[in-house]
Amino acid sequence: MKTTIFIVLRVLLGLFMVVIGLNKFLVFIEIPNPPGDGGKLMQVYITSGFLKLVGVLEFLGGVALLINKFVPLALTIITAIMFNATVFHGLHDPAGTGAAAFCLLLSLALIYGNKERFSGLLSA
């Protein structure tokens, strides 16, 4: 039962990351820039190409989760991205915080589900 739950969570997060990563290139889901300083920061991310790099990492991490390969690496990268997205939205675009926080929670749950694979990283 526990394994089935973590498989469903892994596939769900993987699909979401693939879609969001592809959206950075194909823009099939219109995501408006936040107002104020958040919008200015987002423009810097876009014009510098940083957001494209994030999109590549989201896409590759999502694919890795879907095919169940390099899962610890994918979770490490996705968790870092989702932590930063949650903080960014929390500070600059509270309406967008939900999706980022949900993905962050999914990734943390999957890290917990794979804790034996993270034991070396988490040991003192």
PDB file of N, CA and C in Angstrom:
ATOM      1  N   MET A   1       0.826  -1.195   0.000  1.00  0.00           N
ATOM      2  CA  MET A   1       0.000   0.000   0.000  1.00  0.00           C
ATOM      3  C   MET A   1       0.866   1.254   0.000  1.00  0.00           C
ATOM      4  N   LYS A   2       1.866   1.271   0.912  1.00  0.00           N
ATOM      5  CA  LYS A   2       2.748   2.430   0.999  1.00  0.00           C
ATOM      6  C   LYS A   2       3.487   2.639  -0.324  1.00  0.00           C
ATOM      7  N   THR A   3       3.941   1.554  -0.936  1.00  0.00           N
ATOM      8  CA  THR A   3       4.651   1.649  -2.206  1.00  0.00           C
ATOM      9  C   THR A   3       3.755   2.221  -3.288  1.00  0.00           C
ATOM     10  N   THR A   4       2.506   1.784  -3.342  1.00  0.00           N
ATOM     11  CA  THR A   4       1.562   2.280  -4.345  1.00  0.00           C
ATOM     12  C   THR A   4       1.342   3.777  -4.190  1.00  0.00           C
ATOM     13  N   ILE A   5       1.231   4.240  -2.971  1.00  0.00           N
ATOM     14  CA  ILE A   5       1.035   5.672  -2.727  1.00  0.00           C
ATOM     15  C   ILE A   5       2.228   6.461  -3.253  1.00  0.00           C
ATOM     16  N   PHE A   6       3.433   5.994  -2.985  1.00  0.00           N
ATOM     17  CA  PHE A   6       4.617   6.723  -3.435  1.00  0.00           C
ATOM     18  C   PHE A   6       4.784   6.650  -4.952  1.00  0.00           C
ATOM     19  N   ILE A   7       4.340   5.566  -5.573  1.00  0.00           N
ATOM     20  CA  ILE A   7       4.366   5.491  -7.041  1.00  0.00           C
ATOM     21  C   ILE A   7       3.419   6.531  -7.626  1.00  0.00           C
ATOM     22  N   VAL A   8       2.221   6.626  -7.071  1.00  0.00           N
ATOM     23  CA  VAL A   8       1.243   7.614  -7.551  1.00  0.00           C
ATOM     24  C   VAL A   8       1.789   9.028  -7.359  1.00  0.00           C
ATOM     25  N   LEU A   9       2.371   9.316  -6.195  1.00  0.00           N
ATOM     26  CA  LEU A   9       2.945  10.642  -5.944  1.00  0.00           C
ATOM     27  C   LEU A   9       4.090  10.942  -6.910  1.00  0.00           C
ATOM     28  N   ARG A  10       4.930   9.943  -7.174  1.00  0.00           N
ATOM     29  CA  ARG A  10       6.062  10.125  -8.088  1.00  0.00           C
ATOM     30  C   ARG A  10       5.585  10.430  -9.500  1.00  0.00           C
ATOM     31  N   VAL A  11       4.590   9.687  -9.966  1.00  0.00           N
ATOM     32  CA  VAL A  11       4.058   9.916 -11.314  1.00  0.00           C
ATOM     33  C   VAL A  11       3.356  11.271 -11.389  1.00  0.00           C
ATOM     34  N   LEU A  12       2.593  11.610 -10.367  1.00  0.00           N
ATOM     35  CA  LEU A  12       1.895  12.899 -10.340  1.00  0.00           C
ATOM     36  C   LEU A  12       2.888  14.062 -10.400  1.00  0.00           C
ATOM     37  N   LEU A  13       3.912  14.025  -9.566  1.00  0.00           N
ATOM     38  CA  LEU A  13       4.913  15.089  -9.577  1.00  0.00           C
ATOM     39  C   LEU A  13       5.683  15.085 -10.895  1.00  0.00           C
ATOM     40  N   GLY A  14       5.997  13.907 -11.405  1.00  0.00           N
ATOM     41  CA  GLY A  14       6.705  13.815 -12.684  1.00  0.00           C
ATOM     42  C   GLY A  14       5.917  14.437 -13.823  1.00  0.00           C
ATOM     43  N   LEU A  15       4.629  14.133 -13.898  1.00  0.00           N
ATOM     44  CA  LEU A  15       3.784  14.722 -14.947  1.00  0.00           C
ATOM     45  C   LEU A  15       3.708  16.235 -14.812  1.00  0.00           C
ATOM     46  N   PHE A  16       3.521  16.707 -13.591  1.00  0.00           N
ATOM     47  CA  PHE A  16       3.434  18.149 -13.364  1.00  0.00           C
ATOM     48  C   PHE A  16       4.730  18.837 -13.785  1.00  0.00           C
ATOM     49  N   MET A  17       5.869  18.258 -13.440  1.00  0.00           N
ATOM     50  CA  MET A  17       7.157  18.860 -13.788  1.00  0.00           C
ATOM     51  C   MET A  17       7.391  18.861 -15.295  1.00  0.00           C
ATOM     52  N   VAL A  18       6.993  17.786 -15.975  1.00  0.00           N
ATOM     53  CA  VAL A  18       7.135  17.746 -17.431  1.00  0.00           C
ATOM     54  C   VAL A  18       6.294  18.848 -18.067  1.00  0.00           C
ATOM     55  N   VAL A  19       5.050  18.984 -17.622  1.00  0.00           N
ATOM     56  CA  VAL A  19       4.156  20.005 -18.186  1.00  0.00           C
ATOM     57  C   VAL A  19       4.696  21.403 -17.909  1.00  0.00           C
ATOM     58  N   ILE A  20       5.073  21.678 -16.674  1.00  0.00           N
ATOM     59  CA  ILE A  20       5.566  23.012 -16.315  1.00  0.00           C
ATOM     60  C   ILE A  20       6.898  23.300 -17.010  1.00  0.00           C
ATOM     61  N   GLY A  21       7.755  22.299 -17.117  1.00  0.00           N
ATOM     62  CA  GLY A  21       9.028  22.490 -17.817  1.00  0.00           C
ATOM     63  C   GLY A  21       8.824  22.793 -19.288  1.00  0.00           C
ATOM     64  N   LEU A  22       7.941  22.036 -19.943  1.00  0.00           N
ATOM     65  CA  LEU A  22       7.638  22.294 -21.356  1.00  0.00           C
ATOM     66  C   LEU A  22       6.984  23.649 -21.552  1.00  0.00           C
ATOM     67  N   ASN A  23       6.188  24.067 -20.582  1.00  0.00           N
ATOM     68  CA  ASN A  23       5.493  25.349 -20.694  1.00  0.00           C
ATOM     69  C   ASN A  23       6.473  26.524 -20.756  1.00  0.00           C
ATOM     70  N   LYS A  24       7.665  26.356 -20.212  1.00  0.00           N
ATOM     71  CA  LYS A  24       8.669  27.422 -20.281  1.00  0.00           C
ATOM     72  C   LYS A  24       9.113  27.664 -21.728  1.00  0.00           C
ATOM     73  N   PHE A  25       8.903  26.668 -22.604  1.00  0.00           N
ATOM     74  CA  PHE A  25       9.311  26.789 -24.001  1.00  0.00           C
ATOM     75  C   PHE A  25       8.120  26.961 -24.944  1.00  0.00           C
ATOM     76  N   LEU A  26       7.048  26.222 -24.716  1.00  0.00           N
ATOM     77  CA  LEU A  26       5.912  26.211 -25.643  1.00  0.00           C
ATOM     78  C   LEU A  26       4.789  27.154 -25.245  1.00  0.00           C
ATOM     79  N   VAL A  27       4.750  27.586 -24.023  1.00  0.00           N
ATOM     80  CA  VAL A  27       3.764  28.520 -23.456  1.00  0.00           C
ATOM     81  C   VAL A  27       2.335  28.153 -23.883  1.00  0.00           C
ATOM     82  N   PHE A  28       1.891  26.981 -23.487  1.00  0.00           N
ATOM     83  CA  PHE A  28       0.508  26.574 -23.733  1.00  0.00           C
ATOM     84  C   PHE A  28      -0.379  26.881 -22.538  1.00  0.00           C
ATOM     85  N   ILE A  29       0.216  27.243 -21.405  1.00  0.00           N
ATOM     86  CA  ILE A  29      -0.518  27.728 -20.234  1.00  0.00           C
ATOM     87  C   ILE A  29       0.009  29.135 -19.959  1.00  0.00           C
ATOM     88  N   GLU A  30      -0.838  30.128 -20.143  1.00  0.00           N
ATOM     89  CA  GLU A  30      -0.417  31.514 -19.932  1.00  0.00           C
ATOM     90  C   GLU A  30      -0.325  31.808 -18.438  1.00  0.00           C
ATOM     91  N   ILE A  31       0.855  32.186 -17.990  1.00  0.00           N
ATOM     92  CA  ILE A  31       1.076  32.513 -16.585  1.00  0.00           C
ATOM     93  C   ILE A  31       1.494  33.982 -16.523  1.00  0.00           C
ATOM     94  N   PRO A  32       0.626  34.845 -15.997  1.00  0.00           N
ATOM     95  CA  PRO A  32       0.965  36.275 -15.965  1.00  0.00           C
ATOM     96  C   PRO A  32       2.081  36.571 -14.966  1.00  0.00           C
ATOM     97  N   ASN A  33       2.866  37.590 -15.280  1.00  0.00           N
ATOM     98  CA  ASN A  33       3.904  38.026 -14.346  1.00  0.00           C
ATOM     99  C   ASN A  33       3.259  38.639 -13.118  1.00  0.00           C
ATOM    100  N   PRO A  34       3.850  38.441 -11.964  1.00  0.00           N
ATOM    101  CA  PRO A  34       3.320  39.080 -10.750  1.00  0.00           C
ATOM    102  C   PRO A  34       3.533  40.592 -10.816  1.00  0.00           C
ATOM    103  N   PRO A  35       2.783  41.331 -10.040  1.00  0.00           N
ATOM    104  CA  PRO A  35       2.941  42.790 -10.045  1.00  0.00           C
ATOM    105  C   PRO A  35       4.201  43.234  -9.295  1.00  0.00           C
ATOM    106  N   GLY A  36       4.615  44.452  -9.529  1.00  0.00           N
ATOM    107  CA  GLY A  36       5.686  45.074  -8.755  1.00  0.00           C
ATOM    108  C   GLY A  36       7.050  44.456  -8.954  1.00  0.00           C
ATOM    109  N   ASP A  37       7.790  44.366  -7.859  1.00  0.00           N
ATOM    110  CA  ASP A  37       9.162  43.858  -7.906  1.00  0.00           C
ATOM    111  C   ASP A  37       9.228  42.408  -8.378  1.00  0.00           C
ATOM    112  N   GLY A  38       8.213  41.621  -8.057  1.00  0.00           N
ATOM    113  CA  GLY A  38       8.184  40.233  -8.513  1.00  0.00           C
ATOM    114  C   GLY A  38       8.153  40.140 -10.026  1.00  0.00           C
ATOM    115  N   GLY A  39       7.396  41.031 -10.665  1.00  0.00           N
ATOM    116  CA  GLY A  39       7.343  41.064 -12.122  1.00  0.00           C
ATOM    117  C   GLY A  39       8.671  41.478 -12.726  1.00  0.00           C
ATOM    118  N   LYS A  40       9.333  42.438 -12.084  1.00  0.00           N
ATOM    119  CA  LYS A  40      10.654  42.874 -12.558  1.00  0.00           C
ATOM    120  C   LYS A  40      11.662  41.732 -12.450  1.00  0.00           C
ATOM    121  N   LEU A  41      11.627  41.030 -11.328  1.00  0.00           N
ATOM    122  CA  LEU A  41      12.534  39.902 -11.137  1.00  0.00           C
ATOM    123  C   LEU A  41      12.246  38.802 -12.153  1.00  0.00           C
ATOM    124  N   MET A  42      10.978  38.535 -12.411  1.00  0.00           N
ATOM    125  CA  MET A  42      10.613  37.515 -13.395  1.00  0.00           C
ATOM    126  C   MET A  42      11.115  37.905 -14.786  1.00  0.00           C
ATOM    127  N   GLN A  43      11.047  39.189 -15.128  1.00  0.00           N
ATOM    128  CA  GLN A  43      11.565  39.647 -16.423  1.00  0.00           C
ATOM    129  C   GLN A  43      13.069  39.414 -16.523  1.00  0.00           C
ATOM    130  N   VAL A  44      13.786  39.621 -15.435  1.00  0.00           N
ATOM    131  CA  VAL A  44      15.230  39.342 -15.428  1.00  0.00           C
ATOM    132  C   VAL A  44      15.465  37.852 -15.665  1.00  0.00           C
ATOM    133  N   TYR A  45      14.682  37.007 -14.997  1.00  0.00           N
ATOM    134  CA  TYR A  45      14.805  35.556 -15.202  1.00  0.00           C
ATOM    135  C   TYR A  45      14.550  35.179 -16.657  1.00  0.00           C
ATOM    136  N   ILE A  46      13.556  35.806 -17.265  1.00  0.00           N
ATOM    137  CA  ILE A  46      13.192  35.486 -18.647  1.00  0.00           C
ATOM    138  C   ILE A  46      14.271  35.962 -19.611  1.00  0.00           C
ATOM    139  N   THR A  47      14.660  37.230 -19.509  1.00  0.00           N
ATOM    140  CA  THR A  47      15.613  37.786 -20.478  1.00  0.00           C
ATOM    141  C   THR A  47      17.012  37.201 -20.326  1.00  0.00           C
ATOM    142  N   SER A  48      17.375  36.769 -19.137  1.00  0.00           N
ATOM    143  CA  SER A  48      18.709  36.197 -18.928  1.00  0.00           C
ATOM    144  C   SER A  48      18.799  34.744 -19.381  1.00  0.00           C
ATOM    145  N   GLY A  49      17.666  34.106 -19.617  1.00  0.00           N
ATOM    146  CA  GLY A  49      17.666  32.695 -19.984  1.00  0.00           C
ATOM    147  C   GLY A  49      17.602  31.763 -18.783  1.00  0.00           C
ATOM    148  N   PHE A  50      17.612  32.325 -17.587  1.00  0.00           N
ATOM    149  CA  PHE A  50      17.575  31.512 -16.370  1.00  0.00           C
ATOM    150  C   PHE A  50      16.307  30.667 -16.308  1.00  0.00           C
ATOM    151  N   LEU A  51      15.182  31.240 -16.730  1.00  0.00           N
ATOM    152  CA  LEU A  51      13.920  30.506 -16.671  1.00  0.00           C
ATOM    153  C   LEU A  51      13.927  29.317 -17.631  1.00  0.00           C
ATOM    154  N   LYS A  52      14.628  29.441 -18.759  1.00  0.00           N
ATOM    155  CA  LYS A  52      14.762  28.310 -19.691  1.00  0.00           C
ATOM    156  C   LYS A  52      15.559  27.178 -19.033  1.00  0.00           C
ATOM    157  N   LEU A  53      16.618  27.534 -18.313  1.00  0.00           N
ATOM    158  CA  LEU A  53      17.403  26.526 -17.597  1.00  0.00           C
ATOM    159  C   LEU A  53      16.542  25.815 -16.563  1.00  0.00           C
ATOM    160  N   VAL A  54      15.749  26.579 -15.829  1.00  0.00           N
ATOM    161  CA  VAL A  54      14.833  25.989 -14.850  1.00  0.00           C
ATOM    162  C   VAL A  54      13.857  25.054 -15.560  1.00  0.00           C
ATOM    163  N   GLY A  55      13.360  25.470 -16.731  1.00  0.00           N
ATOM    164  CA  GLY A  55      12.443  24.631 -17.501  1.00  0.00           C
ATOM    165  C   GLY A  55      13.078  23.314 -17.919  1.00  0.00           C
ATOM    166  N   VAL A  56      14.324  23.363 -18.348  1.00  0.00           N
ATOM    167  CA  VAL A  56      15.038  22.136 -18.728  1.00  0.00           C
ATOM    168  C   VAL A  56      15.175  21.216 -17.520  1.00  0.00           C
ATOM    169  N   LEU A  57      15.564  21.783 -16.379  1.00  0.00           N
ATOM    170  CA  LEU A  57      15.723  20.973 -15.166  1.00  0.00           C
ATOM    171  C   LEU A  57      14.390  20.389 -14.703  1.00  0.00           C
ATOM    172  N   GLU A  58      13.313  21.185 -14.790  1.00  0.00           N
ATOM    173  CA  GLU A  58      11.989  20.671 -14.420  1.00  0.00           C
ATOM    174  C   GLU A  58      11.582  19.530 -15.345  1.00  0.00           C
ATOM    175  N   PHE A  59      11.785  19.722 -16.645  1.00  0.00           N
ATOM    176  CA  PHE A  59      11.412  18.695 -17.617  1.00  0.00           C
ATOM    177  C   PHE A  59      12.213  17.413 -17.394  1.00  0.00           C
ATOM    178  N   LEU A  60      13.533  17.535 -17.296  1.00  0.00           N
ATOM    179  CA  LEU A  60      14.371  16.345 -17.110  1.00  0.00           C
ATOM    180  C   LEU A  60      14.094  15.657 -15.776  1.00  0.00           C
ATOM    181  N   GLY A  61      13.884  16.451 -14.731  1.00  0.00           N
ATOM    182  CA  GLY A  61      13.530  15.868 -13.438  1.00  0.00           C
ATOM    183  C   GLY A  61      12.204  15.132 -13.501  1.00  0.00           C
ATOM    184  N   GLY A  62      11.239  15.718 -14.200  1.00  0.00           N
ATOM    185  CA  GLY A  62       9.940  15.070 -14.360  1.00  0.00           C
ATOM    186  C   GLY A  62      10.042  13.766 -15.131  1.00  0.00           C
ATOM    187  N   VAL A  63      10.818  13.775 -16.215  1.00  0.00           N
ATOM    188  CA  VAL A  63      11.012  12.547 -16.998  1.00  0.00           C
ATOM    189  C   VAL A  63      11.689  11.482 -16.139  1.00  0.00           C
ATOM    190  N   ALA A  64      12.696  11.868 -15.378  1.00  0.00           N
ATOM    191  CA  ALA A  64      13.388  10.914 -14.503  1.00  0.00           C
ATOM    192  C   ALA A  64      12.419  10.287 -13.505  1.00  0.00           C
ATOM    193  N   LEU A  65      11.523  11.093 -12.951  1.00  0.00           N
ATOM    194  CA  LEU A  65      10.529  10.541 -12.022  1.00  0.00           C
ATOM    195  C   LEU A  65       9.578   9.593 -12.747  1.00  0.00           C
ATOM    196  N   LEU A  66       9.164   9.964 -13.950  1.00  0.00           N
ATOM    197  CA  LEU A  66       8.219   9.124 -14.691  1.00  0.00           C
ATOM    198  C   LEU A  66       8.815   7.776 -15.072  1.00  0.00           C
ATOM    199  N   ILE A  67      10.087   7.756 -15.452  1.00  0.00           N
ATOM    200  CA  ILE A  67      10.705   6.485 -15.849  1.00  0.00           C
ATOM    201  C   ILE A  67      11.400   5.792 -14.675  1.00  0.00           C
ATOM    202  N   ASN A  68      11.326   6.407 -13.493  1.00  0.00           N
ATOM    203  CA  ASN A  68      11.870   5.838 -12.256  1.00  0.00           C
ATOM    204  C   ASN A  68      13.382   5.606 -12.334  1.00  0.00           C
ATOM    205  N   LYS A  69      14.091   6.555 -12.917  1.00  0.00           N
ATOM    206  CA  LYS A  69      15.554   6.507 -13.003  1.00  0.00           C
ATOM    207  C   LYS A  69      16.110   7.786 -12.393  1.00  0.00           C
ATOM    208  N   PHE A  70      17.219   7.683 -11.690  1.00  0.00           N
ATOM    209  CA  PHE A  70      17.874   8.843 -11.065  1.00  0.00           C
ATOM    210  C   PHE A  70      16.915   9.610 -10.156  1.00  0.00           C
ATOM    211  N   VAL A  71      16.039   8.886  -9.475  1.00  0.00           N
ATOM    212  CA  VAL A  71      15.006   9.515  -8.642  1.00  0.00           C
ATOM    213  C   VAL A  71      15.604  10.401  -7.546  1.00  0.00           C
ATOM    214  N   PRO A  72      16.632   9.968  -6.804  1.00  0.00           N
ATOM    215  CA  PRO A  72      17.181  10.868  -5.778  1.00  0.00           C
ATOM    216  C   PRO A  72      17.731  12.175  -6.363  1.00  0.00           C
ATOM    217  N   LEU A  73      18.419  12.088  -7.492  1.00  0.00           N
ATOM    218  CA  LEU A  73      18.932  13.298  -8.140  1.00  0.00           C
ATOM    219  C   LEU A  73      17.780  14.191  -8.588  1.00  0.00           C
ATOM    220  N   ALA A  74      16.780  13.596  -9.225  1.00  0.00           N
ATOM    221  CA  ALA A  74      15.619  14.363  -9.687  1.00  0.00           C
ATOM    222  C   ALA A  74      14.909  15.037  -8.520  1.00  0.00           C
ATOM    223  N   LEU A  75      14.731  14.315  -7.429  1.00  0.00           N
ATOM    224  CA  LEU A  75      14.054  14.896  -6.265  1.00  0.00           C
ATOM    225  C   LEU A  75      14.871  16.018  -5.635  1.00  0.00           C
ATOM    226  N   THR A  76      16.176  15.870  -5.620  1.00  0.00           N
ATOM    227  CA  THR A  76      17.028  16.923  -5.067  1.00  0.00           C
ATOM    228  C   THR A  76      16.883  18.207  -5.884  1.00  0.00           C
ATOM    229  N   ILE A  77      16.925  18.085  -7.197  1.00  0.00           N
ATOM    230  CA  ILE A  77      16.812  19.254  -8.074  1.00  0.00           C
ATOM    231  C   ILE A  77      15.413  19.851  -7.997  1.00  0.00           C
ATOM    232  N   ILE A  78      14.391  19.009  -8.099  1.00  0.00           N
ATOM    233  CA  ILE A  78      13.009  19.502  -8.081  1.00  0.00           C
ATOM    234  C   ILE A  78      12.680  20.155  -6.741  1.00  0.00           C
ATOM    235  N   THR A  79      13.138  19.566  -5.647  1.00  0.00           N
ATOM    236  CA  THR A  79      12.860  20.146  -4.332  1.00  0.00           C
ATOM    237  C   THR A  79      13.495  21.529  -4.207  1.00  0.00           C
ATOM    238  N   ALA A  80      14.712  21.684  -4.691  1.00  0.00           N
ATOM    239  CA  ALA A  80      15.366  23.000  -4.644  1.00  0.00           C
ATOM    240  C   ALA A  80      14.592  24.020  -5.475  1.00  0.00           C
ATOM    241  N   ILE A  81      14.164  23.626  -6.666  1.00  0.00           N
ATOM    242  CA  ILE A  81      13.400  24.539  -7.526  1.00  0.00           C
ATOM    243  C   ILE A  81      12.075  24.899  -6.873  1.00  0.00           C
ATOM    244  N   MET A  82      11.376  23.903  -6.338  1.00  0.00           N
ATOM    245  CA  MET A  82      10.063  24.168  -5.746  1.00  0.00           C
ATOM    246  C   MET A  82      10.165  24.965  -4.445  1.00  0.00           C
ATOM    247  N   PHE A  83      11.247  24.780  -3.704  1.00  0.00           N
ATOM    248  CA  PHE A  83      11.451  25.609  -2.512  1.00  0.00           C
ATOM    249  C   PHE A  83      11.586  27.076  -2.925  1.00  0.00           C
ATOM    250  N   ASN A  84      12.422  27.322  -3.921  1.00  0.00           N
ATOM    251  CA  ASN A  84      12.617  28.693  -4.393  1.00  0.00           C
ATOM    252  C   ASN A  84      11.348  29.266  -5.001  1.00  0.00           C
ATOM    253  N   ALA A  85      10.596  28.457  -5.742  1.00  0.00           N
ATOM    254  CA  ALA A  85       9.335  28.931  -6.323  1.00  0.00           C
ATOM    255  C   ALA A  85       8.330  29.272  -5.230  1.00  0.00           C
ATOM    256  N   THR A  86       8.282  28.452  -4.191  1.00  0.00           N
ATOM    257  CA  THR A  86       7.357  28.714  -3.082  1.00  0.00           C
ATOM    258  C   THR A  86       7.719  30.016  -2.367  1.00  0.00           C
ATOM    259  N   VAL A  87       8.992  30.222  -2.117  1.00  0.00           N
ATOM    260  CA  VAL A  87       9.430  31.464  -1.462  1.00  0.00           C
ATOM    261  C   VAL A  87       9.158  32.664  -2.363  1.00  0.00           C
ATOM    262  N   PHE A  88       9.492  32.550  -3.657  1.00  0.00           N
ATOM    263  CA  PHE A  88       9.244  33.655  -4.594  1.00  0.00           C
ATOM    264  C   PHE A  88       7.771  34.037  -4.599  1.00  0.00           C
ATOM    265  N   HIS A  89       6.902  33.045  -4.773  1.00  0.00           N
ATOM    266  CA  HIS A  89       5.466  33.338  -4.823  1.00  0.00           C
ATOM    267  C   HIS A  89       4.953  33.833  -3.475  1.00  0.00           C
ATOM    268  N   GLY A  90       5.465  33.286  -2.401  1.00  0.00           N
ATOM    269  CA  GLY A  90       5.046  33.755  -1.084  1.00  0.00           C
ATOM    270  C   GLY A  90       5.366  35.223  -0.863  1.00  0.00           C
ATOM    271  N   LEU A  91       6.486  35.670  -1.406  1.00  0.00           N
ATOM    272  CA  LEU A  91       6.903  37.061  -1.230  1.00  0.00           C
ATOM    273  C   LEU A  91       6.309  38.009  -2.270  1.00  0.00           C
ATOM    274  N   HIS A  92       6.173  37.532  -3.517  1.00  0.00           N
ATOM    275  CA  HIS A  92       5.825  38.438  -4.613  1.00  0.00           C
ATOM    276  C   HIS A  92       4.497  38.149  -5.296  1.00  0.00           C
ATOM    277  N   ASP A  93       3.955  36.959  -5.117  1.00  0.00           N
ATOM    278  CA  ASP A  93       2.736  36.582  -5.833  1.00  0.00           C
ATOM    279  C   ASP A  93       1.973  35.535  -5.024  1.00  0.00           C
ATOM    280  N   PRO A  94       1.361  35.950  -3.908  1.00  0.00           N
ATOM    281  CA  PRO A  94       0.707  34.984  -3.019  1.00  0.00           C
ATOM    282  C   PRO A  94      -0.322  34.094  -3.719  1.00  0.00           C
ATOM    283  N   ALA A  95      -0.954  34.586  -4.763  1.00  0.00           N
ATOM    284  CA  ALA A  95      -1.946  33.772  -5.473  1.00  0.00           C
ATOM    285  C   ALA A  95      -1.310  32.555  -6.137  1.00  0.00           C
ATOM    286  N   GLY A  96      -0.033  32.629  -6.465  1.00  0.00           N
ATOM    287  CA  GLY A  96       0.642  31.518  -7.122  1.00  0.00           C
ATOM    288  C   GLY A  96       1.363  30.578  -6.180  1.00  0.00           C
ATOM    289  N   THR A  97       1.229  30.803  -4.896  1.00  0.00           N
ATOM    290  CA  THR A  97       1.969  30.003  -3.917  1.00  0.00           C
ATOM    291  C   THR A  97       1.467  28.565  -3.840  1.00  0.00           C
ATOM    292  N   GLY A  98       0.181  28.355  -4.047  1.00  0.00           N
ATOM    293  CA  GLY A  98      -0.423  27.039  -3.843  1.00  0.00           C
ATOM    294  C   GLY A  98       0.206  25.926  -4.653  1.00  0.00           C
ATOM    295  N   ALA A  99       0.347  26.125  -5.961  1.00  0.00           N
ATOM    296  CA  ALA A  99       0.890  25.071  -6.822  1.00  0.00           C
ATOM    297  C   ALA A  99       2.340  24.763  -6.466  1.00  0.00           C
ATOM    298  N   ALA A 100       3.121  25.807  -6.221  1.00  0.00           N
ATOM    299  CA  ALA A 100       4.528  25.590  -5.866  1.00  0.00           C
ATOM    300  C   ALA A 100       4.645  24.866  -4.528  1.00  0.00           C
ATOM    301  N   ALA A 101       3.849  25.279  -3.549  1.00  0.00           N
ATOM    302  CA  ALA A 101       3.885  24.635  -2.229  1.00  0.00           C
ATOM    303  C   ALA A 101       3.421  23.184  -2.323  1.00  0.00           C
ATOM    304  N   PHE A 102       2.415  22.920  -3.157  1.00  0.00           N
ATOM    305  CA  PHE A 102       1.928  21.553  -3.349  1.00  0.00           C
ATOM    306  C   PHE A 102       3.037  20.673  -3.921  1.00  0.00           C
ATOM    307  N   CYS A 103       3.743  21.171  -4.939  1.00  0.00           N
ATOM    308  CA  CYS A 103       4.843  20.398  -5.522  1.00  0.00           C
ATOM    309  C   CYS A 103       5.983  20.217  -4.530  1.00  0.00           C
ATOM    310  N   LEU A 104       6.245  21.235  -3.732  1.00  0.00           N
ATOM    311  CA  LEU A 104       7.273  21.111  -2.696  1.00  0.00           C
ATOM    312  C   LEU A 104       6.893  20.019  -1.701  1.00  0.00           C
ATOM    313  N   LEU A 105       5.640  19.999  -1.280  1.00  0.00           N
ATOM    314  CA  LEU A 105       5.185  18.957  -0.352  1.00  0.00           C
ATOM    315  C   LEU A 105       5.261  17.571  -0.984  1.00  0.00           C
ATOM    316  N   LEU A 106       4.892  17.466  -2.266  1.00  0.00           N
ATOM    317  CA  LEU A 106       5.011  16.177  -2.963  1.00  0.00           C
ATOM    318  C   LEU A 106       6.469  15.714  -2.985  1.00  0.00           C
ATOM    319  N   SER A 107       7.374  16.629  -3.318  1.00  0.00           N
ATOM    320  CA  SER A 107       8.783  16.236  -3.393  1.00  0.00           C
ATOM    321  C   SER A 107       9.324  15.841  -2.020  1.00  0.00           C
ATOM    322  N   LEU A 108       8.916  16.556  -0.977  1.00  0.00           N
ATOM    323  CA  LEU A 108       9.353  16.190   0.376  1.00  0.00           C
ATOM    324  C   LEU A 108       8.781  14.839   0.798  1.00  0.00           C
ATOM    325  N   ALA A 109       7.533  14.570   0.427  1.00  0.00           N
ATOM    326  CA  ALA A 109       6.935  13.262   0.723  1.00  0.00           C
ATOM    327  C   ALA A 109       7.692  12.153   0.001  1.00  0.00           C
ATOM    328  N   LEU A 110       8.095  12.418  -1.238  1.00  0.00           N
ATOM    329  CA  LEU A 110       8.844  11.414  -1.993  1.00  0.00           C
ATOM    330  C   LEU A 110      10.253  11.221  -1.431  1.00  0.00           C
ATOM    331  N   ILE A 111      10.854  12.287  -0.936  1.00  0.00           N
ATOM    332  CA  ILE A 111      12.152  12.133  -0.268  1.00  0.00           C
ATOM    333  C   ILE A 111      11.979  11.250   0.965  1.00  0.00           C
ATOM    334  N   TYR A 112      10.914  11.483   1.718  1.00  0.00           N
ATOM    335  CA  TYR A 112      10.631  10.632   2.879  1.00  0.00           C
ATOM    336  C   TYR A 112      10.418   9.183   2.438  1.00  0.00           C
ATOM    337  N   GLY A 113       9.685   8.984   1.351  1.00  0.00           N
ATOM    338  CA  GLY A 113       9.438   7.635   0.850  1.00  0.00           C
ATOM    339  C   GLY A 113      10.689   6.948   0.337  1.00  0.00           C
ATOM    340  N   ASN A 114      11.698   7.724  -0.015  1.00  0.00           N
ATOM    341  CA  ASN A 114      12.973   7.192  -0.495  1.00  0.00           C
ATOM    342  C   ASN A 114      14.101   7.477   0.491  1.00  0.00           C
ATOM    343  N   LYS A 115      13.751   7.597   1.771  1.00  0.00           N
ATOM    344  CA  LYS A 115      14.739   8.043   2.763  1.00  0.00           C
ATOM    345  C   LYS A 115      15.961   7.146   2.831  1.00  0.00           C
ATOM    346  N   GLU A 116      15.812   5.855   2.539  1.00  0.00           N
ATOM    347  CA  GLU A 116      16.976   4.976   2.567  1.00  0.00           C
ATOM    348  C   GLU A 116      17.968   5.351   1.470  1.00  0.00           C
ATOM    349  N   ARG A 117      17.489   5.909   0.366  1.00  0.00           N
ATOM    350  CA  ARG A 117      18.367   6.329  -0.726  1.00  0.00           C
ATOM    351  C   ARG A 117      19.029   7.676  -0.434  1.00  0.00           C
ATOM    352  N   PHE A 118      18.514   8.388   0.559  1.00  0.00           N
ATOM    353  CA  PHE A 118      19.081   9.671   0.966  1.00  0.00           C
ATOM    354  C   PHE A 118      19.860   9.553   2.274  1.00  0.00           C
ATOM    355  N   SER A 119      20.029   8.355   2.790  1.00  0.00           N
ATOM    356  CA  SER A 119      20.630   8.178   4.117  1.00  0.00           C
ATOM    357  C   SER A 119      22.043   8.755   4.198  1.00  0.00           C
ATOM    358  N   GLY A 120      22.828   8.604   3.153  1.00  0.00           N
ATOM    359  CA  GLY A 120      24.178   9.160   3.166  1.00  0.00           C
ATOM    360  C   GLY A 120      24.175  10.674   3.192  1.00  0.00           C
ATOM    361  N   LEU A 121      23.244  11.263   2.490  1.00  0.00           N
ATOM    362  CA  LEU A 121      23.134  12.716   2.433  1.00  0.00           C
ATOM    363  C   LEU A 121      22.640  13.289   3.751  1.00  0.00           C
ATOM    364  N   LEU A 122      21.779  12.538   4.428  1.00  0.00           N
ATOM    365  CA  LEU A 122      21.148  13.034   5.645  1.00  0.00           C
ATOM    366  C   LEU A 122      21.841  12.593   6.928  1.00  0.00           C
ATOM    367  N   SER A 123      22.948  11.858   6.814  1.00  0.00           N
ATOM    368  CA  SER A 123      23.642  11.419   8.028  1.00  0.00           C
ATOM    369  C   SER A 123      24.562  12.531   8.539  1.00  0.00           C
ATOM    370  N   ALA A 124      24.779  12.520   9.844  1.00  0.00           N
ATOM    371  CA  ALA A 124      25.603  13.579  10.461  1.00  0.00           C
ATOM    372  C   ALA A 124      27.073  13.310  10.282  1.00  0.00           C
TER     373      ALA A 124
END
